PDB file of all heavy atoms in Angstrom:
ATOM      1  N   LYS A   1     -16.279  -0.158  78.587  1.00  0.00           N
ATOM      2  CA  LYS A   1     -15.172  -0.709  79.404  1.00  0.00           C
ATOM      3  C   LYS A   1     -14.912  -2.158  79.080  1.00  0.00           C
ATOM      4  O   LYS A   1     -13.814  -2.636  78.957  1.00  0.00           O
ATOM      5  CB  LYS A   1     -15.479  -0.538  80.864  1.00  0.00           C
ATOM      6  CG  LYS A   1     -15.517   0.931  81.341  1.00  0.00           C
ATOM      7  CD  LYS A   1     -15.882   1.023  82.797  1.00  0.00           C
ATOM      8  CE  LYS A   1     -15.914   2.445  83.270  1.00  0.00           C
ATOM      9  NZ  LYS A   1     -16.276   2.585  84.683  1.00  0.00           N
ATOM     10  N   CYS A   2     -16.019  -2.921  78.969  1.00  0.00           N
ATOM     11  CA  CYS A   2     -15.892  -4.355  78.687  1.00  0.00           C
ATOM     12  C   CYS A   2     -15.318  -4.610  77.293  1.00  0.00           C
ATOM     13  O   CYS A   2     -14.409  -5.420  77.085  1.00  0.00           O
ATOM     14  CB  CYS A   2     -17.248  -5.043  78.839  1.00  0.00           C
ATOM     15  SG  CYS A   2     -17.880  -5.093  80.479  1.00  0.00           S
ATOM     16  N   GLU A   3     -15.817  -3.831  76.315  1.00  0.00           N
ATOM     17  CA  GLU A   3     -15.382  -3.985  74.939  1.00  0.00           C
ATOM     18  C   GLU A   3     -13.887  -3.704  74.815  1.00  0.00           C
ATOM     19  O   GLU A   3     -13.150  -4.357  74.072  1.00  0.00           O
ATOM     20  CB  GLU A   3     -16.122  -3.066  74.045  1.00  0.00           C
ATOM     21  CG  GLU A   3     -17.629  -3.422  73.819  1.00  0.00           C
ATOM     22  CD  GLU A   3     -18.354  -2.421  72.993  1.00  0.00           C
ATOM     23  OE1 GLU A   3     -17.770  -1.356  72.725  1.00  0.00           O
ATOM     24  OE2 GLU A   3     -19.529  -2.659  72.668  1.00  0.00           O
ATOM     25  N   ASN A   4     -13.408  -2.772  75.578  1.00  0.00           N
ATOM     26  CA  ASN A   4     -11.990  -2.336  75.365  1.00  0.00           C
ATOM     27  C   ASN A   4     -11.022  -2.933  76.370  1.00  0.00           C
ATOM     28  O   ASN A   4      -9.896  -2.468  76.522  1.00  0.00           O
ATOM     29  CB  ASN A   4     -11.924  -0.811  75.417  1.00  0.00           C
ATOM     30  CG  ASN A   4     -12.444  -0.194  74.156  1.00  0.00           C
ATOM     31  OD1 ASN A   4     -11.809  -0.118  73.161  1.00  0.00           O
ATOM     32  ND2 ASN A   4     -13.731   0.201  74.218  1.00  0.00           N
ATOM     33  N   LEU A   5     -11.464  -3.969  77.092  1.00  0.00           N
ATOM     34  CA  LEU A   5     -10.547  -4.693  77.874  1.00  0.00           C
ATOM     35  C   LEU A   5      -9.452  -5.359  77.035  1.00  0.00           C
ATOM     36  O   LEU A   5      -8.486  -5.838  77.548  1.00  0.00           O
ATOM     37  CB  LEU A   5     -11.214  -5.762  78.734  1.00  0.00           C
ATOM     38  CG  LEU A   5     -11.891  -5.264  80.022  1.00  0.00           C
ATOM     39  CD1 LEU A   5     -12.722  -6.356  80.639  1.00  0.00           C
ATOM     40  CD2 LEU A   5     -10.861  -4.724  80.989  1.00  0.00           C
ATOM     41  N   SER A   6      -9.715  -5.336  75.716  1.00  0.00           N
ATOM     42  CA  SER A   6      -8.709  -5.938  74.815  1.00  0.00           C
ATOM     43  C   SER A   6      -7.343  -5.225  74.943  1.00  0.00           C
ATOM     44  O   SER A   6      -6.316  -5.800  74.700  1.00  0.00           O
ATOM     45  CB  SER A   6      -9.182  -5.764  73.334  1.00  0.00           C
ATOM     46  OG  SER A   6      -9.438  -4.411  73.000  1.00  0.00           O
ATOM     47  N   SER A   7      -7.367  -3.928  75.348  1.00  0.00           N
ATOM     48  CA  SER A   7      -6.121  -3.207  75.552  1.00  0.00           C
ATOM     49  C   SER A   7      -5.268  -3.889  76.671  1.00  0.00           C
ATOM     50  O   SER A   7      -4.084  -3.945  76.556  1.00  0.00           O
ATOM     51  CB  SER A   7      -6.349  -1.755  75.919  1.00  0.00           C
ATOM     52  OG  SER A   7      -6.833  -1.042  74.787  1.00  0.00           O
ATOM     53  N   LEU A   8      -6.003  -4.303  77.731  1.00  0.00           N
ATOM     54  CA  LEU A   8      -5.239  -4.990  78.783  1.00  0.00           C
ATOM     55  C   LEU A   8      -4.619  -6.294  78.303  1.00  0.00           C
ATOM     56  O   LEU A   8      -3.451  -6.566  78.597  1.00  0.00           O
ATOM     57  CB  LEU A   8      -6.211  -5.301  79.946  1.00  0.00           C
ATOM     58  CG  LEU A   8      -5.636  -6.006  81.142  1.00  0.00           C
ATOM     59  CD1 LEU A   8      -4.510  -5.202  81.750  1.00  0.00           C
ATOM     60  CD2 LEU A   8      -6.701  -6.317  82.186  1.00  0.00           C
ATOM     61  N   TYR A   9      -5.378  -7.052  77.508  1.00  0.00           N
ATOM     62  CA  TYR A   9      -4.852  -8.296  77.012  1.00  0.00           C
ATOM     63  C   TYR A   9      -3.737  -8.026  75.991  1.00  0.00           C
ATOM     64  O   TYR A   9      -2.813  -8.791  75.904  1.00  0.00           O
ATOM     65  CB  TYR A   9      -5.968  -9.124  76.364  1.00  0.00           C
ATOM     66  CG  TYR A   9      -6.952  -9.627  77.317  1.00  0.00           C
ATOM     67  CD1 TYR A   9      -8.237  -9.120  77.323  1.00  0.00           C
ATOM     68  CD2 TYR A   9      -6.611 -10.560  78.299  1.00  0.00           C
ATOM     69  CE1 TYR A   9      -9.206  -9.540  78.263  1.00  0.00           C
ATOM     70  CE2 TYR A   9      -7.564 -10.985  79.245  1.00  0.00           C
ATOM     71  CZ  TYR A   9      -8.849 -10.481  79.219  1.00  0.00           C
ATOM     72  OH  TYR A   9      -9.762 -10.884  80.146  1.00  0.00           O
ATOM     73  N   LYS A  10      -3.812  -6.911  75.256  1.00  0.00           N
ATOM     74  CA  LYS A  10      -2.772  -6.526  74.280  1.00  0.00           C
ATOM     75  C   LYS A  10      -1.473  -6.222  75.038  1.00  0.00           C
ATOM     76  O   LYS A  10      -0.408  -6.605  74.644  1.00  0.00           O
ATOM     77  CB  LYS A  10      -3.221  -5.311  73.509  1.00  0.00           C
ATOM     78  CG  LYS A  10      -2.135  -4.795  72.496  1.00  0.00           C
ATOM     79  CD  LYS A  10      -1.988  -5.843  71.408  1.00  0.00           C
ATOM     80  CE  LYS A  10      -0.900  -5.350  70.397  1.00  0.00           C
ATOM     81  NZ  LYS A  10      -1.306  -4.165  69.682  1.00  0.00           N
ATOM     82  N   ILE A  11      -1.594  -5.567  76.232  1.00  0.00           N
ATOM     83  CA  ILE A  11      -0.440  -5.293  77.054  1.00  0.00           C
ATOM     84  C   ILE A  11       0.209  -6.565  77.489  1.00  0.00           C
ATOM     85  O   ILE A  11       1.441  -6.723  77.411  1.00  0.00           O
ATOM     86  CB  ILE A  11      -0.847  -4.447  78.281  1.00  0.00           C
ATOM     87  CG1 ILE A  11      -1.177  -3.039  77.841  1.00  0.00           C
ATOM     88  CG2 ILE A  11       0.281  -4.380  79.302  1.00  0.00           C
ATOM     89  CD1 ILE A  11      -1.824  -2.204  78.927  1.00  0.00           C
ATOM     90  N   PHE A  12      -0.561  -7.545  77.948  1.00  0.00           N
ATOM     91  CA  PHE A  12      -0.004  -8.803  78.342  1.00  0.00           C
ATOM     92  C   PHE A  12       0.639  -9.502  77.207  1.00  0.00           C
ATOM     93  O   PHE A  12       1.733 -10.127  77.377  1.00  0.00           O
ATOM     94  CB  PHE A  12      -1.103  -9.727  78.948  1.00  0.00           C
ATOM     95  CG  PHE A  12      -1.659  -9.219  80.285  1.00  0.00           C
ATOM     96  CD1 PHE A  12      -2.969  -9.525  80.617  1.00  0.00           C
ATOM     97  CD2 PHE A  12      -0.883  -8.482  81.122  1.00  0.00           C
ATOM     98  CE1 PHE A  12      -3.475  -9.046  81.831  1.00  0.00           C
ATOM     99  CE2 PHE A  12      -1.420  -7.983  82.323  1.00  0.00           C
ATOM    100  CZ  PHE A  12      -2.680  -8.326  82.657  1.00  0.00           C
ATOM    101  N   SER A  13       0.032  -9.419  76.031  1.00  0.00           N
ATOM    102  CA  SER A  13       0.615 -10.043  74.858  1.00  0.00           C
ATOM    103  C   SER A  13       1.996  -9.430  74.493  1.00  0.00           C
ATOM    104  O   SER A  13       2.910 -10.152  74.171  1.00  0.00           O
ATOM    105  CB  SER A  13      -0.325  -9.882  73.664  1.00  0.00           C
ATOM    106  OG  SER A  13       0.240 -10.347  72.451  1.00  0.00           O
ATOM    107  N   MET A  14       2.111  -8.096  74.664  1.00  0.00           N
ATOM    108  CA  MET A  14       3.356  -7.459  74.383  1.00  0.00           C
ATOM    109  C   MET A  14       4.458  -7.900  75.357  1.00  0.00           C
ATOM    110  O   MET A  14       5.607  -8.135  74.978  1.00  0.00           O
ATOM    111  CB  MET A  14       3.208  -5.938  74.525  1.00  0.00           C
ATOM    112  CG  MET A  14       2.476  -5.282  73.357  1.00  0.00           C
ATOM    113  SD  MET A  14       2.325  -3.505  73.611  1.00  0.00           S
ATOM    114  CE  MET A  14       1.503  -3.018  72.135  1.00  0.00           C
ATOM    115  N   LEU A  15       4.036  -8.053  76.621  1.00  0.00           N
ATOM    116  CA  LEU A  15       5.008  -8.497  77.678  1.00  0.00           C
ATOM    117  C   LEU A  15       5.474  -9.929  77.361  1.00  0.00           C
ATOM    118  O   LEU A  15       6.635 -10.268  77.491  1.00  0.00           O
ATOM    119  CB  LEU A  15       4.367  -8.392  79.013  1.00  0.00           C
ATOM    120  CG  LEU A  15       3.955  -6.973  79.496  1.00  0.00           C
ATOM    121  CD1 LEU A  15       3.303  -7.036  80.856  1.00  0.00           C
ATOM    122  CD2 LEU A  15       5.123  -6.023  79.470  1.00  0.00           C
ATOM    123  N   ILE A  16       4.514 -10.740  76.957  1.00  0.00           N
ATOM    124  CA  ILE A  16       4.908 -12.157  76.670  1.00  0.00           C
ATOM    125  C   ILE A  16       5.734 -12.217  75.439  1.00  0.00           C
ATOM    126  O   ILE A  16       6.726 -12.952  75.390  1.00  0.00           O
ATOM    127  CB  ILE A  16       3.603 -12.973  76.469  1.00  0.00           C
ATOM    128  CG1 ILE A  16       2.875 -13.140  77.792  1.00  0.00           C
ATOM    129  CG2 ILE A  16       3.983 -14.361  75.925  1.00  0.00           C
ATOM    130  CD1 ILE A  16       1.478 -13.748  77.663  1.00  0.00           C
ATOM    131  N   SER A  17       5.413 -11.386  74.437  1.00  0.00           N
ATOM    132  CA  SER A  17       6.225 -11.370  73.229  1.00  0.00           C
ATOM    133  C   SER A  17       7.638 -10.913  73.463  1.00  0.00           C
ATOM    134  O   SER A  17       8.575 -11.387  72.844  1.00  0.00           O
ATOM    135  CB  SER A  17       5.551 -10.429  72.169  1.00  0.00           C
ATOM    136  OG  SER A  17       4.291 -10.918  71.773  1.00  0.00           O
ATOM    137  N   ALA A  18       7.777  -9.989  74.369  1.00  0.00           N
ATOM    138  CA  ALA A  18       9.120  -9.523  74.716  1.00  0.00           C
ATOM    139  C   ALA A  18       9.988 -10.688  75.254  1.00  0.00           C
ATOM    140  O   ALA A  18      11.195 -10.750  74.998  1.00  0.00           O
ATOM    141  CB  ALA A  18       9.051  -8.395  75.769  1.00  0.00           C
ATOM    142  N   GLN A  19       9.353 -11.561  75.998  1.00  0.00           N
ATOM    143  CA  GLN A  19      10.045 -12.709  76.497  1.00  0.00           C
ATOM    144  C   GLN A  19      10.325 -13.775  75.402  1.00  0.00           C
ATOM    145  O   GLN A  19      11.403 -14.350  75.288  1.00  0.00           O
ATOM    146  CB  GLN A  19       9.258 -13.407  77.608  1.00  0.00           C
ATOM    147  CG  GLN A  19       9.268 -12.626  78.957  1.00  0.00           C
ATOM    148  CD  GLN A  19      10.644 -12.767  79.625  1.00  0.00           C
ATOM    149  OE1 GLN A  19      11.603 -12.030  79.299  1.00  0.00           O
ATOM    150  NE2 GLN A  19      10.751 -13.645  80.574  1.00  0.00           N
ATOM    151  N   ASN A  20       9.292 -13.960  74.553  1.00  0.00           N
ATOM    152  CA  ASN A  20       9.427 -14.986  73.556  1.00  0.00           C
ATOM    153  C   ASN A  20      10.237 -14.644  72.328  1.00  0.00           C
ATOM    154  O   ASN A  20      10.678 -15.478  71.586  1.00  0.00           O
ATOM    155  CB  ASN A  20       7.984 -15.401  73.052  1.00  0.00           C
ATOM    156  CG  ASN A  20       7.198 -16.118  74.145  1.00  0.00           C
ATOM    157  OD1 ASN A  20       7.773 -16.656  75.090  1.00  0.00           O
ATOM    158  ND2 ASN A  20       5.900 -16.155  74.021  1.00  0.00           N
ATOM    159  N   LEU A  21      10.456 -13.305  72.150  1.00  0.00           N
ATOM    160  CA  LEU A  21      11.205 -12.853  70.954  1.00  0.00           C
ATOM    161  C   LEU A  21      12.584 -13.455  70.897  1.00  0.00           C
ATOM    162  O   LEU A  21      13.138 -13.754  69.834  1.00  0.00           O
ATOM    163  CB  LEU A  21      11.300 -11.350  70.940  1.00  0.00           C
ATOM    164  CG  LEU A  21      11.833 -10.728  69.637  1.00  0.00           C
ATOM    165  CD1 LEU A  21      10.956 -11.094  68.430  1.00  0.00           C
ATOM    166  CD2 LEU A  21      11.898  -9.240  69.792  1.00  0.00           C
ATOM    167  N   LYS A  22      13.202 -13.676  72.101  1.00  0.00           N
ATOM    168  CA  LYS A  22      14.499 -14.243  72.147  1.00  0.00           C
ATOM    169  C   LYS A  22      14.494 -15.729  71.676  1.00  0.00           C
ATOM    170  O   LYS A  22      15.537 -16.229  71.333  1.00  0.00           O
ATOM    171  CB  LYS A  22      15.027 -14.140  73.590  1.00  0.00           C
ATOM    172  CG  LYS A  22      15.114 -12.729  74.143  1.00  0.00           C
ATOM    173  CD  LYS A  22      15.491 -12.706  75.606  1.00  0.00           C
ATOM    174  CE  LYS A  22      15.486 -11.332  76.193  1.00  0.00           C
ATOM    175  NZ  LYS A  22      15.778 -11.317  77.653  1.00  0.00           N
ATOM    176  N   LYS A  23      13.317 -16.329  71.706  1.00  0.00           N
ATOM    177  CA  LYS A  23      13.238 -17.734  71.405  1.00  0.00           C
ATOM    178  C   LYS A  23      12.794 -17.995  69.950  1.00  0.00           C
ATOM    179  O   LYS A  23      12.784 -19.114  69.497  1.00  0.00           O
ATOM    180  CB  LYS A  23      12.216 -18.425  72.330  1.00  0.00           C
ATOM    181  CG  LYS A  23      12.507 -18.173  73.801  1.00  0.00           C
ATOM    182  CD  LYS A  23      11.391 -18.759  74.667  1.00  0.00           C
ATOM    183  CE  LYS A  23      11.624 -18.486  76.151  1.00  0.00           C
ATOM    184  NZ  LYS A  23      10.510 -19.009  76.996  1.00  0.00           N
ATOM    185  N   THR A  24      12.417 -16.927  69.218  1.00  0.00           N
ATOM    186  CA  THR A  24      11.916 -17.140  67.858  1.00  0.00           C
ATOM    187  C   THR A  24      13.125 -17.538  66.938  1.00  0.00           C
ATOM    188  O   THR A  24      14.234 -17.087  67.106  1.00  0.00           O
ATOM    189  CB  THR A  24      11.303 -15.853  67.328  1.00  0.00           C
ATOM    190  OG1 THR A  24      12.239 -14.743  67.383  1.00  0.00           O
ATOM    191  CG2 THR A  24      10.061 -15.494  68.119  1.00  0.00           C
ATOM    192  N   PRO A  25      12.827 -18.303  65.908  1.00  0.00           N
ATOM    193  CA  PRO A  25      13.863 -18.718  64.954  1.00  0.00           C
ATOM    194  C   PRO A  25      14.466 -17.487  64.283  1.00  0.00           C
ATOM    195  O   PRO A  25      13.729 -16.515  63.994  1.00  0.00           O
ATOM    196  CB  PRO A  25      13.099 -19.554  63.992  1.00  0.00           C
ATOM    197  CG  PRO A  25      11.825 -20.023  64.702  1.00  0.00           C
ATOM    198  CD  PRO A  25      11.522 -18.910  65.627  1.00  0.00           C
ATOM    199  N   PRO A  26      15.780 -17.489  64.008  1.00  0.00           N
ATOM    200  CA  PRO A  26      16.409 -16.384  63.332  1.00  0.00           C
ATOM    201  C   PRO A  26      15.736 -16.014  62.024  1.00  0.00           C
ATOM    202  O   PRO A  26      15.635 -14.849  61.669  1.00  0.00           O
ATOM    203  CB  PRO A  26      17.839 -16.897  63.122  1.00  0.00           C
ATOM    204  CG  PRO A  26      18.022 -17.886  64.241  1.00  0.00           C
ATOM    205  CD  PRO A  26      16.718 -18.563  64.412  1.00  0.00           C
ATOM    206  N   ILE A  27      15.235 -17.048  61.324  1.00  0.00           N
ATOM    207  CA  ILE A  27      14.586 -16.734  60.006  1.00  0.00           C
ATOM    208  C   ILE A  27      13.321 -15.918  60.200  1.00  0.00           C
ATOM    209  O   ILE A  27      12.976 -15.099  59.388  1.00  0.00           O
ATOM    210  CB  ILE A  27      14.304 -18.032  59.243  1.00  0.00           C
ATOM    211  CG1 ILE A  27      14.038 -17.730  57.780  1.00  0.00           C
ATOM    212  CG2 ILE A  27      13.185 -18.809  59.897  1.00  0.00           C
ATOM    213  CD1 ILE A  27      14.070 -18.943  56.892  1.00  0.00           C
ATOM    214  N   LEU A  28      12.601 -16.149  61.327  1.00  0.00           N
ATOM    215  CA  LEU A  28      11.404 -15.374  61.602  1.00  0.00           C
ATOM    216  C   LEU A  28      11.797 -13.930  61.979  1.00  0.00           C
ATOM    217  O   LEU A  28      11.139 -12.960  61.571  1.00  0.00           O
ATOM    218  CB  LEU A  28      10.608 -16.037  62.726  1.00  0.00           C
ATOM    219  CG  LEU A  28       9.346 -15.251  63.190  1.00  0.00           C
ATOM    220  CD1 LEU A  28       8.432 -14.926  62.027  1.00  0.00           C
ATOM    221  CD2 LEU A  28       8.619 -16.019  64.299  1.00  0.00           C
ATOM    222  N   ASN A  29      12.856 -13.786  62.726  1.00  0.00           N
ATOM    223  CA  ASN A  29      13.330 -12.481  63.098  1.00  0.00           C
ATOM    224  C   ASN A  29      13.716 -11.678  61.839  1.00  0.00           C
ATOM    225  O   ASN A  29      13.503 -10.450  61.754  1.00  0.00           O
ATOM    226  CB  ASN A  29      14.546 -12.531  64.048  1.00  0.00           C
ATOM    227  CG  ASN A  29      14.177 -12.970  65.415  1.00  0.00           C
ATOM    228  OD1 ASN A  29      13.037 -12.718  65.861  1.00  0.00           O
ATOM    229  ND2 ASN A  29      15.076 -13.620  66.116  1.00  0.00           N
ATOM    230  N   GLY A  30      14.210 -12.387  60.824  1.00  0.00           N
ATOM    231  CA  GLY A  30      14.501 -11.732  59.560  1.00  0.00           C
ATOM    232  C   GLY A  30      13.240 -11.217  58.887  1.00  0.00           C
ATOM    233  O   GLY A  30      13.207 -10.126  58.329  1.00  0.00           O
ATOM    234  N   ALA A  31      12.171 -11.960  58.961  1.00  0.00           N
ATOM    235  CA  ALA A  31      10.893 -11.547  58.438  1.00  0.00           C
ATOM    236  C   ALA A  31      10.337 -10.332  59.146  1.00  0.00           C
ATOM    237  O   ALA A  31       9.824  -9.423  58.582  1.00  0.00           O
ATOM    238  CB  ALA A  31       9.843 -12.660  58.463  1.00  0.00           C
ATOM    239  N   LEU A  32      10.468 -10.338  60.512  1.00  0.00           N
ATOM    240  CA  LEU A  32       9.956  -9.238  61.322  1.00  0.00           C
ATOM    241  C   LEU A  32      10.780  -7.953  61.010  1.00  0.00           C
ATOM    242  O   LEU A  32      10.177  -6.881  60.949  1.00  0.00           O
ATOM    243  CB  LEU A  32      10.093  -9.576  62.817  1.00  0.00           C
ATOM    244  CG  LEU A  32       9.270 -10.790  63.247  1.00  0.00           C
ATOM    245  CD1 LEU A  32       9.447 -11.014  64.765  1.00  0.00           C
ATOM    246  CD2 LEU A  32       7.822 -10.705  62.866  1.00  0.00           C
ATOM    247  N   THR A  33      12.041  -8.117  60.830  1.00  0.00           N
ATOM    248  CA  THR A  33      12.895  -6.958  60.487  1.00  0.00           C
ATOM    249  C   THR A  33      12.501  -6.378  59.121  1.00  0.00           C
ATOM    250  O   THR A  33      12.407  -5.146  58.934  1.00  0.00           O
ATOM    251  CB  THR A  33      14.405  -7.348  60.431  1.00  0.00           C
ATOM    252  OG1 THR A  33      14.793  -7.814  61.768  1.00  0.00           O
ATOM    253  CG2 THR A  33      15.266  -6.136  60.032  1.00  0.00           C
ATOM    254  N   TYR A  34      12.215  -7.268  58.172  1.00  0.00           N
ATOM    255  CA  TYR A  34      11.828  -6.821  56.837  1.00  0.00           C
ATOM    256  C   TYR A  34      10.527  -6.028  56.956  1.00  0.00           C
ATOM    257  O   TYR A  34      10.328  -4.990  56.284  1.00  0.00           O
ATOM    258  CB  TYR A  34      11.670  -7.987  55.914  1.00  0.00           C
ATOM    259  CG  TYR A  34      11.317  -7.587  54.480  1.00  0.00           C
ATOM    260  CD1 TYR A  34      12.326  -7.250  53.598  1.00  0.00           C
ATOM    261  CD2 TYR A  34      10.029  -7.526  54.044  1.00  0.00           C
ATOM    262  CE1 TYR A  34      12.035  -6.826  52.261  1.00  0.00           C
ATOM    263  CE2 TYR A  34       9.713  -7.131  52.760  1.00  0.00           C
ATOM    264  CZ  TYR A  34      10.737  -6.773  51.851  1.00  0.00           C
ATOM    265  OH  TYR A  34      10.448  -6.372  50.592  1.00  0.00           O
ATOM    266  N   ILE A  35       9.585  -6.550  57.726  1.00  0.00           N
ATOM    267  CA  ILE A  35       8.285  -5.852  57.907  1.00  0.00           C
ATOM    268  C   ILE A  35       8.515  -4.460  58.496  1.00  0.00           C
ATOM    269  O   ILE A  35       7.950  -3.506  58.074  1.00  0.00           O
ATOM    270  CB  ILE A  35       7.304  -6.686  58.765  1.00  0.00           C
ATOM    271  CG1 ILE A  35       6.889  -7.969  58.002  1.00  0.00           C
ATOM    272  CG2 ILE A  35       6.130  -5.873  59.190  1.00  0.00           C
ATOM    273  CD1 ILE A  35       6.112  -8.929  58.852  1.00  0.00           C
ATOM    274  N   ASP A  36       9.323  -4.424  59.549  1.00  0.00           N
ATOM    275  CA  ASP A  36       9.560  -3.106  60.213  1.00  0.00           C
ATOM    276  C   ASP A  36      10.193  -2.101  59.199  1.00  0.00           C
ATOM    277  O   ASP A  36       9.823  -0.896  59.242  1.00  0.00           O
ATOM    278  CB  ASP A  36      10.558  -3.292  61.368  1.00  0.00           C
ATOM    279  CG  ASP A  36       9.854  -3.948  62.599  1.00  0.00           C
ATOM    280  OD1 ASP A  36       8.625  -3.875  62.669  1.00  0.00           O
ATOM    281  OD2 ASP A  36      10.566  -4.471  63.455  1.00  0.00           O
ATOM    282  N   ASN A  37      11.058  -2.572  58.340  1.00  0.00           N
ATOM    283  CA  ASN A  37      11.767  -1.697  57.417  1.00  0.00           C
ATOM    284  C   ASN A  37      10.909  -1.276  56.226  1.00  0.00           C
ATOM    285  O   ASN A  37      11.214  -0.327  55.511  1.00  0.00           O
ATOM    286  CB  ASN A  37      13.016  -2.357  56.914  1.00  0.00           C
ATOM    287  CG  ASN A  37      14.103  -2.552  57.991  1.00  0.00           C
ATOM    288  OD1 ASN A  37      14.068  -1.874  59.006  1.00  0.00           O
ATOM    289  ND2 ASN A  37      15.010  -3.448  57.743  1.00  0.00           N
ATOM    290  N   ASN A  38       9.781  -2.009  56.046  1.00  0.00           N
ATOM    291  CA  ASN A  38       8.921  -1.747  54.842  1.00  0.00           C
ATOM    292  C   ASN A  38       7.518  -1.482  55.194  1.00  0.00           C
ATOM    293  O   ASN A  38       6.640  -1.519  54.339  1.00  0.00           O
ATOM    294  CB  ASN A  38       9.009  -2.886  53.871  1.00  0.00           C
ATOM    295  CG  ASN A  38      10.378  -3.062  53.262  1.00  0.00           C
ATOM    296  OD1 ASN A  38      10.748  -2.459  52.267  1.00  0.00           O
ATOM    297  ND2 ASN A  38      11.209  -3.940  53.892  1.00  0.00           N
ATOM    298  N   ILE A  39       7.241  -1.166  56.459  1.00  0.00           N
ATOM    299  CA  ILE A  39       5.839  -0.990  56.943  1.00  0.00           C
ATOM    300  C   ILE A  39       5.166   0.172  56.242  1.00  0.00           C
ATOM    301  O   ILE A  39       3.961   0.249  56.214  1.00  0.00           O
ATOM    302  CB  ILE A  39       5.791  -0.843  58.476  1.00  0.00           C
ATOM    303  CG1 ILE A  39       4.399  -1.120  59.053  1.00  0.00           C
ATOM    304  CG2 ILE A  39       6.337   0.558  58.897  1.00  0.00           C
ATOM    305  CD1 ILE A  39       4.039  -2.541  58.930  1.00  0.00           C
TER     306      ILE A  39
END
């Protein structure tokens, strides 16, 4: 249970990322899109 509390922190990280994604530079969003398309 202790070892896998990382899942809880991962959830919080996703929620924070959802808020911060709107603030990321457009050029970084371009990199993220390229990664998604070529994963």
